[in-house]
N, C-alpha and C. Protein backbone atom coordinates (compact mmCIF):
# COMPACT_ATOMS: atom_id res chain seq x y z
N MET A 1 -31.30 16.73 -56.44
CA MET A 1 -31.73 15.35 -56.42
C MET A 1 -30.52 14.41 -56.50
N ARG A 2 -29.59 14.74 -57.34
CA ARG A 2 -28.40 13.92 -57.51
C ARG A 2 -27.60 13.83 -56.21
N PHE A 3 -27.52 14.95 -55.45
CA PHE A 3 -26.79 14.98 -54.19
C PHE A 3 -27.38 14.00 -53.18
N GLY A 4 -28.70 13.86 -53.16
CA GLY A 4 -29.37 12.94 -52.25
C GLY A 4 -29.01 11.49 -52.54
N VAL A 5 -28.87 11.11 -53.80
CA VAL A 5 -28.50 9.75 -54.18
C VAL A 5 -27.07 9.45 -53.74
N VAL A 6 -26.18 10.40 -53.96
CA VAL A 6 -24.77 10.22 -53.56
C VAL A 6 -24.68 10.03 -52.05
N ARG A 7 -25.48 10.81 -51.32
CA ARG A 7 -25.50 10.69 -49.87
C ARG A 7 -25.93 9.28 -49.44
N TYR A 8 -26.94 8.72 -50.05
CA TYR A 8 -27.41 7.37 -49.71
C TYR A 8 -26.39 6.30 -50.09
N VAL A 9 -25.72 6.49 -51.21
CA VAL A 9 -24.67 5.53 -51.62
C VAL A 9 -23.52 5.55 -50.63
N ILE A 10 -23.11 6.73 -50.20
CA ILE A 10 -22.02 6.84 -49.22
C ILE A 10 -22.44 6.23 -47.89
N LEU A 11 -23.66 6.51 -47.45
CA LEU A 11 -24.16 5.93 -46.21
C LEU A 11 -24.19 4.40 -46.29
N ALA A 12 -24.66 3.86 -47.40
CA ALA A 12 -24.71 2.40 -47.57
C ALA A 12 -23.30 1.81 -47.56
N LEU A 13 -22.36 2.48 -48.20
CA LEU A 13 -20.97 2.01 -48.23
C LEU A 13 -20.35 2.02 -46.84
N VAL A 14 -20.57 3.09 -46.08
CA VAL A 14 -20.04 3.19 -44.71
C VAL A 14 -20.63 2.09 -43.83
N LEU A 15 -21.94 1.87 -43.91
CA LEU A 15 -22.57 0.83 -43.11
C LEU A 15 -22.07 -0.56 -43.49
N THR A 16 -21.84 -0.79 -44.77
CA THR A 16 -21.33 -2.08 -45.22
C THR A 16 -19.92 -2.32 -44.69
N LEU A 17 -19.07 -1.31 -44.79
CA LEU A 17 -17.69 -1.46 -44.32
C LEU A 17 -17.64 -1.58 -42.81
N ALA A 18 -18.48 -0.85 -42.10
CA ALA A 18 -18.48 -0.89 -40.65
C ALA A 18 -18.96 -2.23 -40.12
N SER A 19 -19.84 -2.90 -40.86
CA SER A 19 -20.36 -4.17 -40.37
C SER A 19 -19.54 -5.36 -40.85
N ALA A 20 -18.59 -5.14 -41.71
CA ALA A 20 -17.77 -6.25 -42.21
C ALA A 20 -16.86 -6.74 -41.09
N THR A 21 -16.84 -8.03 -40.88
CA THR A 21 -16.00 -8.63 -39.87
C THR A 21 -14.70 -9.10 -40.51
N PRO A 22 -13.56 -8.62 -40.01
CA PRO A 22 -12.31 -9.06 -40.60
C PRO A 22 -12.09 -10.55 -40.35
N ILE A 23 -11.57 -11.23 -41.33
CA ILE A 23 -11.29 -12.66 -41.20
C ILE A 23 -9.80 -12.81 -40.89
N LEU A 24 -9.48 -12.67 -39.60
CA LEU A 24 -8.10 -12.81 -39.14
C LEU A 24 -8.06 -13.88 -38.07
N ALA A 25 -7.05 -14.71 -38.12
CA ALA A 25 -6.90 -15.74 -37.10
C ALA A 25 -6.40 -15.11 -35.81
N GLN A 26 -7.07 -15.39 -34.71
CA GLN A 26 -6.65 -14.91 -33.41
C GLN A 26 -5.59 -15.85 -32.86
N THR A 27 -4.39 -15.35 -32.64
CA THR A 27 -3.33 -16.19 -32.11
C THR A 27 -2.89 -15.66 -30.76
N ASP A 28 -2.48 -16.58 -29.91
CA ASP A 28 -1.98 -16.20 -28.60
C ASP A 28 -0.56 -15.65 -28.72
N THR A 29 -0.22 -14.82 -27.76
CA THR A 29 1.11 -14.24 -27.69
C THR A 29 2.12 -15.29 -27.27
N SER A 30 3.23 -15.36 -27.97
CA SER A 30 4.32 -16.27 -27.62
C SER A 30 5.25 -15.55 -26.64
N LEU A 31 5.50 -16.16 -25.49
CA LEU A 31 6.33 -15.56 -24.45
C LEU A 31 7.21 -16.61 -23.82
N GLY A 32 8.51 -16.38 -23.78
CA GLY A 32 9.42 -17.31 -23.13
C GLY A 32 10.76 -16.65 -22.85
N GLY A 33 11.42 -17.11 -21.78
CA GLY A 33 12.73 -16.56 -21.46
C GLY A 33 13.11 -16.79 -20.02
N ALA A 34 14.21 -16.17 -19.62
CA ALA A 34 14.76 -16.31 -18.28
C ALA A 34 14.40 -15.10 -17.42
N ILE A 35 14.22 -15.36 -16.13
CA ILE A 35 13.91 -14.33 -15.14
C ILE A 35 14.97 -14.43 -14.03
N SER A 36 15.49 -13.29 -13.62
CA SER A 36 16.44 -13.26 -12.50
C SER A 36 16.28 -11.94 -11.77
N GLY A 37 15.98 -12.02 -10.45
CA GLY A 37 15.77 -10.77 -9.72
C GLY A 37 15.69 -10.95 -8.22
N ARG A 38 14.96 -10.04 -7.59
CA ARG A 38 14.89 -9.97 -6.13
C ARG A 38 13.46 -9.84 -5.64
N GLU A 39 13.23 -10.33 -4.43
CA GLU A 39 11.97 -10.07 -3.74
C GLU A 39 12.13 -8.73 -3.03
N LEU A 40 11.28 -7.78 -3.35
CA LEU A 40 11.38 -6.44 -2.78
C LEU A 40 10.63 -6.31 -1.45
N CYS A 41 9.55 -7.07 -1.31
CA CYS A 41 8.75 -6.98 -0.09
C CYS A 41 7.98 -8.29 0.10
N GLU A 42 7.97 -8.78 1.33
CA GLU A 42 7.25 -10.02 1.61
C GLU A 42 5.76 -9.75 1.81
N GLN A 43 4.97 -10.80 1.63
CA GLN A 43 3.52 -10.68 1.73
C GLN A 43 3.06 -10.18 3.09
N ALA A 44 3.72 -10.60 4.18
CA ALA A 44 3.31 -10.20 5.53
C ALA A 44 3.40 -8.68 5.73
N VAL A 45 4.29 -8.04 5.00
CA VAL A 45 4.47 -6.59 5.13
C VAL A 45 3.65 -5.82 4.11
N CYS A 46 3.64 -6.27 2.86
CA CYS A 46 3.04 -5.51 1.75
C CYS A 46 1.68 -6.03 1.29
N GLY A 47 1.20 -7.12 1.84
CA GLY A 47 -0.08 -7.67 1.41
C GLY A 47 0.04 -8.60 0.21
N ALA A 48 1.20 -8.61 -0.42
CA ALA A 48 1.54 -9.51 -1.53
C ALA A 48 3.06 -9.56 -1.58
N ALA A 49 3.61 -10.66 -2.04
CA ALA A 49 5.05 -10.75 -2.24
C ALA A 49 5.36 -9.99 -3.53
N ILE A 50 6.23 -8.98 -3.44
CA ILE A 50 6.53 -8.10 -4.57
C ILE A 50 7.93 -8.43 -5.10
N PHE A 51 8.02 -8.62 -6.42
CA PHE A 51 9.28 -9.00 -7.07
C PHE A 51 9.62 -8.06 -8.21
N ALA A 52 10.92 -7.84 -8.43
CA ALA A 52 11.42 -7.13 -9.62
C ALA A 52 12.55 -7.99 -10.18
N ALA A 53 12.55 -8.18 -11.50
CA ALA A 53 13.54 -9.05 -12.11
C ALA A 53 13.86 -8.60 -13.53
N GLY A 54 15.02 -8.99 -13.99
CA GLY A 54 15.35 -8.80 -15.39
C GLY A 54 14.75 -9.93 -16.19
N PHE A 55 14.33 -9.63 -17.41
CA PHE A 55 13.78 -10.63 -18.32
C PHE A 55 14.62 -10.62 -19.58
N ALA A 56 15.03 -11.80 -20.04
CA ALA A 56 15.74 -11.94 -21.32
C ALA A 56 15.13 -13.14 -22.03
N GLY A 57 14.54 -12.91 -23.20
CA GLY A 57 13.90 -14.01 -23.91
C GLY A 57 13.33 -13.56 -25.23
N GLN A 58 12.11 -14.03 -25.50
CA GLN A 58 11.44 -13.70 -26.75
C GLN A 58 9.96 -13.42 -26.49
N ILE A 59 9.45 -12.45 -27.24
CA ILE A 59 8.01 -12.17 -27.27
C ILE A 59 7.61 -12.25 -28.73
N ASP A 60 6.68 -13.14 -29.03
CA ASP A 60 6.26 -13.40 -30.41
C ASP A 60 7.46 -13.64 -31.33
N GLU A 61 8.37 -14.46 -30.84
CA GLU A 61 9.55 -14.92 -31.57
C GLU A 61 10.53 -13.81 -31.94
N ARG A 62 10.44 -12.68 -31.23
CA ARG A 62 11.40 -11.60 -31.41
C ARG A 62 12.19 -11.45 -30.12
N PRO A 63 13.51 -11.26 -30.20
CA PRO A 63 14.31 -11.08 -28.99
C PRO A 63 13.77 -9.92 -28.14
N ALA A 64 13.78 -10.13 -26.83
CA ALA A 64 13.27 -9.10 -25.92
C ALA A 64 14.05 -9.13 -24.61
N VAL A 65 14.39 -7.94 -24.13
CA VAL A 65 15.05 -7.77 -22.84
C VAL A 65 14.30 -6.67 -22.12
N GLY A 66 14.03 -6.89 -20.83
CA GLY A 66 13.28 -5.86 -20.12
C GLY A 66 13.18 -6.12 -18.63
N LEU A 67 12.24 -5.45 -18.02
CA LEU A 67 12.00 -5.50 -16.59
C LEU A 67 10.68 -6.22 -16.31
N ALA A 68 10.74 -7.20 -15.43
CA ALA A 68 9.54 -7.93 -15.01
C ALA A 68 9.21 -7.54 -13.58
N ILE A 69 7.94 -7.26 -13.33
CA ILE A 69 7.44 -6.92 -12.00
C ILE A 69 6.29 -7.86 -11.67
N GLY A 70 6.25 -8.35 -10.45
CA GLY A 70 5.16 -9.24 -10.06
C GLY A 70 4.73 -9.02 -8.62
N ALA A 71 3.46 -9.22 -8.36
CA ALA A 71 2.89 -9.19 -7.01
C ALA A 71 2.09 -10.48 -6.86
N ILE A 72 2.49 -11.31 -5.91
CA ILE A 72 1.89 -12.63 -5.76
C ILE A 72 1.30 -12.79 -4.37
N LYS A 73 0.06 -13.27 -4.32
CA LYS A 73 -0.59 -13.57 -3.04
C LYS A 73 -0.66 -15.09 -2.89
N HIS A 74 -0.33 -15.58 -1.69
CA HIS A 74 -0.33 -17.03 -1.45
C HIS A 74 -0.78 -17.33 -0.02
N THR A 75 -1.14 -18.59 0.20
CA THR A 75 -1.46 -19.04 1.56
C THR A 75 -0.15 -19.11 2.34
N ASP A 76 -0.23 -19.45 3.62
CA ASP A 76 0.97 -19.51 4.47
C ASP A 76 2.04 -20.41 3.87
N LEU A 77 3.29 -19.94 3.93
CA LEU A 77 4.40 -20.73 3.38
C LEU A 77 4.55 -22.04 4.15
N PRO A 78 4.84 -23.12 3.44
CA PRO A 78 5.02 -24.42 4.09
C PRO A 78 6.32 -24.45 4.90
N THR A 79 6.38 -25.39 5.86
CA THR A 79 7.55 -25.49 6.72
C THR A 79 8.18 -26.88 6.70
N ALA A 80 7.66 -27.78 5.87
CA ALA A 80 8.21 -29.14 5.82
C ALA A 80 8.27 -29.62 4.37
N SER A 81 9.21 -30.50 4.11
CA SER A 81 9.39 -31.07 2.79
C SER A 81 8.11 -31.71 2.28
N GLY A 82 7.80 -31.46 1.02
CA GLY A 82 6.60 -32.03 0.42
C GLY A 82 5.36 -31.17 0.58
N GLU A 83 5.44 -30.11 1.37
CA GLU A 83 4.30 -29.21 1.56
C GLU A 83 4.37 -28.05 0.57
N CYS A 84 3.20 -27.57 0.18
CA CYS A 84 3.12 -26.44 -0.75
C CYS A 84 2.05 -25.45 -0.30
N ALA A 85 2.33 -24.18 -0.50
CA ALA A 85 1.32 -23.13 -0.34
C ALA A 85 0.61 -22.98 -1.69
N THR A 86 -0.60 -22.47 -1.67
CA THR A 86 -1.36 -22.23 -2.89
C THR A 86 -1.30 -20.76 -3.26
N ILE A 87 -1.03 -20.48 -4.51
CA ILE A 87 -1.07 -19.10 -5.00
C ILE A 87 -2.53 -18.76 -5.26
N ILE A 88 -2.98 -17.66 -4.65
CA ILE A 88 -4.40 -17.30 -4.74
C ILE A 88 -4.65 -16.09 -5.65
N GLY A 89 -3.58 -15.55 -6.26
CA GLY A 89 -3.77 -14.45 -7.20
C GLY A 89 -2.56 -13.55 -7.28
N GLY A 90 -2.73 -12.48 -8.00
CA GLY A 90 -1.67 -11.50 -8.16
C GLY A 90 -1.69 -10.89 -9.54
N SER A 91 -0.66 -10.12 -9.83
CA SER A 91 -0.54 -9.46 -11.13
C SER A 91 0.93 -9.42 -11.54
N TRP A 92 1.17 -9.14 -12.82
CA TRP A 92 2.54 -9.12 -13.35
C TRP A 92 2.61 -8.22 -14.57
N SER A 93 3.84 -7.82 -14.92
CA SER A 93 4.07 -7.10 -16.17
C SER A 93 5.51 -7.33 -16.60
N ILE A 94 5.72 -7.31 -17.91
CA ILE A 94 7.05 -7.32 -18.49
C ILE A 94 7.11 -6.13 -19.43
N ASN A 95 8.07 -5.24 -19.19
CA ASN A 95 8.22 -4.03 -19.98
C ASN A 95 9.54 -4.08 -20.75
N THR A 96 9.46 -3.97 -22.07
CA THR A 96 10.64 -3.90 -22.92
C THR A 96 10.58 -2.57 -23.68
N LEU A 97 11.61 -2.29 -24.47
CA LEU A 97 11.58 -1.06 -25.26
C LEU A 97 10.49 -1.08 -26.31
N ARG A 98 10.15 -2.26 -26.81
CA ARG A 98 9.17 -2.37 -27.89
C ARG A 98 7.76 -2.64 -27.44
N ARG A 99 7.62 -3.24 -26.24
CA ARG A 99 6.30 -3.75 -25.90
C ARG A 99 6.15 -3.93 -24.39
N THR A 100 4.92 -3.88 -23.94
CA THR A 100 4.59 -4.19 -22.56
C THR A 100 3.51 -5.26 -22.55
N LEU A 101 3.77 -6.32 -21.81
CA LEU A 101 2.77 -7.36 -21.57
C LEU A 101 2.41 -7.30 -20.10
N ALA A 102 1.15 -7.58 -19.78
CA ALA A 102 0.73 -7.57 -18.38
C ALA A 102 -0.50 -8.45 -18.22
N GLY A 103 -0.79 -8.78 -16.97
CA GLY A 103 -1.97 -9.58 -16.70
C GLY A 103 -2.06 -9.98 -15.25
N ARG A 104 -2.83 -11.02 -15.04
CA ARG A 104 -3.03 -11.50 -13.67
C ARG A 104 -2.43 -12.88 -13.52
N ILE A 105 -2.28 -13.28 -12.29
CA ILE A 105 -1.76 -14.61 -11.97
C ILE A 105 -2.94 -15.47 -11.57
N ALA A 106 -3.05 -16.61 -12.23
CA ALA A 106 -4.18 -17.51 -12.01
C ALA A 106 -4.13 -18.17 -10.63
N PHE A 107 -5.30 -18.40 -10.07
CA PHE A 107 -5.42 -19.15 -8.82
C PHE A 107 -4.92 -20.58 -9.06
N GLY A 108 -4.21 -21.13 -8.09
CA GLY A 108 -3.85 -22.54 -8.15
C GLY A 108 -2.39 -22.85 -8.35
N GLY A 109 -1.55 -21.84 -8.53
CA GLY A 109 -0.12 -22.11 -8.59
C GLY A 109 0.37 -22.57 -7.23
N THR A 110 1.65 -22.93 -7.14
CA THR A 110 2.18 -23.44 -5.87
C THR A 110 3.50 -22.79 -5.49
N VAL A 111 3.74 -22.73 -4.18
CA VAL A 111 5.01 -22.35 -3.59
C VAL A 111 5.38 -23.53 -2.69
N CYS A 112 6.34 -24.36 -3.14
CA CYS A 112 6.65 -25.60 -2.43
C CYS A 112 7.98 -25.51 -1.68
N TYR A 113 7.97 -26.05 -0.47
CA TYR A 113 9.14 -26.08 0.41
C TYR A 113 10.23 -26.95 -0.22
N VAL A 114 11.47 -26.43 -0.24
CA VAL A 114 12.60 -27.22 -0.75
C VAL A 114 13.53 -27.59 0.40
N ASP A 115 14.07 -26.57 1.10
CA ASP A 115 15.04 -26.89 2.16
C ASP A 115 15.10 -25.87 3.29
N GLY A 116 14.04 -25.17 3.54
CA GLY A 116 14.03 -24.21 4.64
C GLY A 116 14.32 -22.79 4.22
N VAL A 117 15.15 -22.60 3.20
CA VAL A 117 15.41 -21.26 2.70
C VAL A 117 15.04 -21.13 1.23
N LYS A 118 14.83 -22.25 0.56
CA LYS A 118 14.45 -22.23 -0.86
C LYS A 118 13.05 -22.78 -1.05
N TYR A 119 12.35 -22.18 -2.02
CA TYR A 119 11.01 -22.60 -2.38
C TYR A 119 10.93 -22.69 -3.91
N SER A 120 10.23 -23.69 -4.39
CA SER A 120 9.98 -23.85 -5.82
C SER A 120 8.61 -23.23 -6.11
N VAL A 121 8.59 -22.26 -7.01
CA VAL A 121 7.35 -21.54 -7.32
C VAL A 121 6.94 -21.88 -8.75
N SER A 122 5.68 -22.26 -8.92
CA SER A 122 5.15 -22.58 -10.24
C SER A 122 3.76 -21.95 -10.36
N LEU A 123 3.56 -21.16 -11.43
CA LEU A 123 2.28 -20.47 -11.58
C LEU A 123 1.97 -20.20 -13.04
N THR A 124 0.73 -19.85 -13.30
CA THR A 124 0.28 -19.51 -14.65
C THR A 124 0.04 -18.02 -14.74
N MET A 125 0.65 -17.41 -15.76
CA MET A 125 0.50 -15.98 -16.02
C MET A 125 -0.52 -15.80 -17.15
N LYS A 126 -1.62 -15.15 -16.86
CA LYS A 126 -2.63 -14.84 -17.88
C LYS A 126 -2.19 -13.55 -18.58
N ILE A 127 -2.04 -13.61 -19.90
CA ILE A 127 -1.64 -12.43 -20.68
C ILE A 127 -2.92 -11.70 -21.08
N GLU A 128 -3.13 -10.50 -20.52
CA GLU A 128 -4.37 -9.77 -20.73
C GLU A 128 -4.17 -8.38 -21.32
N GLN A 129 -2.96 -7.85 -21.28
CA GLN A 129 -2.66 -6.54 -21.85
C GLN A 129 -1.44 -6.66 -22.75
N GLY A 130 -1.54 -6.13 -23.95
CA GLY A 130 -0.44 -6.20 -24.89
C GLY A 130 -0.38 -7.50 -25.66
N GLY A 131 -1.31 -8.40 -25.38
CA GLY A 131 -1.37 -9.70 -26.03
C GLY A 131 -2.46 -10.54 -25.43
N SER A 132 -2.41 -11.85 -25.67
CA SER A 132 -3.42 -12.75 -25.13
C SER A 132 -2.81 -14.13 -24.92
N GLY A 133 -3.46 -14.93 -24.11
CA GLY A 133 -3.00 -16.29 -23.87
C GLY A 133 -2.48 -16.48 -22.45
N GLU A 134 -1.62 -17.49 -22.30
CA GLU A 134 -1.05 -17.85 -21.00
C GLU A 134 0.41 -18.22 -21.15
N ALA A 135 1.15 -18.07 -20.07
CA ALA A 135 2.52 -18.55 -20.00
C ALA A 135 2.72 -19.14 -18.61
N LYS A 136 3.69 -20.01 -18.48
CA LYS A 136 3.97 -20.67 -17.21
C LYS A 136 5.28 -20.13 -16.66
N LEU A 137 5.30 -19.80 -15.39
CA LEU A 137 6.50 -19.33 -14.71
C LEU A 137 6.92 -20.37 -13.69
N ASP A 138 8.19 -20.80 -13.77
CA ASP A 138 8.78 -21.72 -12.81
C ASP A 138 10.08 -21.10 -12.32
N VAL A 139 10.14 -20.80 -11.02
CA VAL A 139 11.33 -20.17 -10.44
C VAL A 139 11.68 -20.80 -9.11
N VAL A 140 12.90 -20.54 -8.68
CA VAL A 140 13.32 -20.90 -7.33
C VAL A 140 13.48 -19.60 -6.55
N LEU A 141 12.78 -19.51 -5.43
CA LEU A 141 12.87 -18.37 -4.52
C LEU A 141 13.83 -18.76 -3.41
N ASP A 142 14.91 -18.02 -3.26
CA ASP A 142 15.94 -18.34 -2.25
C ASP A 142 15.95 -17.24 -1.20
N HIS A 143 15.56 -17.58 0.04
CA HIS A 143 15.52 -16.63 1.14
C HIS A 143 16.85 -16.50 1.86
N LYS A 144 17.86 -17.27 1.47
CA LYS A 144 19.14 -17.23 2.19
C LYS A 144 19.86 -15.89 2.03
N PRO A 145 20.06 -15.36 0.83
CA PRO A 145 20.68 -14.03 0.78
C PRO A 145 19.63 -12.98 1.13
N PHE A 146 20.08 -11.79 1.46
CA PHE A 146 19.13 -10.71 1.65
C PHE A 146 19.47 -9.60 0.69
N PRO A 147 18.53 -9.10 -0.07
CA PRO A 147 17.14 -9.55 -0.16
C PRO A 147 17.06 -10.88 -0.91
N PRO A 148 15.99 -11.64 -0.68
CA PRO A 148 15.82 -12.94 -1.35
C PRO A 148 15.90 -12.81 -2.87
N THR A 149 16.40 -13.88 -3.52
CA THR A 149 16.52 -13.90 -4.97
C THR A 149 15.48 -14.82 -5.59
N VAL A 150 15.22 -14.57 -6.87
CA VAL A 150 14.32 -15.41 -7.65
C VAL A 150 14.95 -15.62 -9.01
N LYS A 151 15.04 -16.90 -9.43
CA LYS A 151 15.61 -17.23 -10.75
C LYS A 151 14.83 -18.36 -11.36
N GLY A 152 14.56 -18.26 -12.67
CA GLY A 152 13.83 -19.32 -13.34
C GLY A 152 13.48 -18.96 -14.77
N PHE A 153 12.39 -19.61 -15.26
CA PHE A 153 12.04 -19.50 -16.67
C PHE A 153 10.54 -19.32 -16.88
N ILE A 154 10.23 -18.60 -17.97
CA ILE A 154 8.87 -18.50 -18.47
C ILE A 154 8.79 -19.38 -19.70
N THR A 155 7.80 -20.26 -19.76
CA THR A 155 7.62 -21.16 -20.90
C THR A 155 6.13 -21.19 -21.29
N GLN A 156 5.87 -21.87 -22.41
CA GLN A 156 4.47 -22.07 -22.79
C GLN A 156 4.22 -23.52 -23.11
């Protein structure tokens, strides 16, 4: 009889602990730093513009250095000053020794014509793996050297 009571007490304790909701504040991931790299494949060939770059900055206020990879889909590139293409999607990741962040690229960013070989790219990175929140990427894509280069910053 005593064993049956202990069993019910343990069951009640397990159910109580399992249903308890932790009271923790949900905070977004802090991400910022510099990006410098190359375009590996253009959208016309690969279905998305593919980039690889070095990342040096901070993740959640801790120094971080790693590799950034991105695949960006956009409308036709503009050919005149003041014109912009619309970014329609894509994905990205930043891999460091301590952590990997990844996610998708939000619809609505821009690729704006600068001077025939340079484009100003601005987009929002949704952080969906390894953290949460959003970060903004602003880079200059330069088609003059081969392969094209990309340099800029991630901010929040």
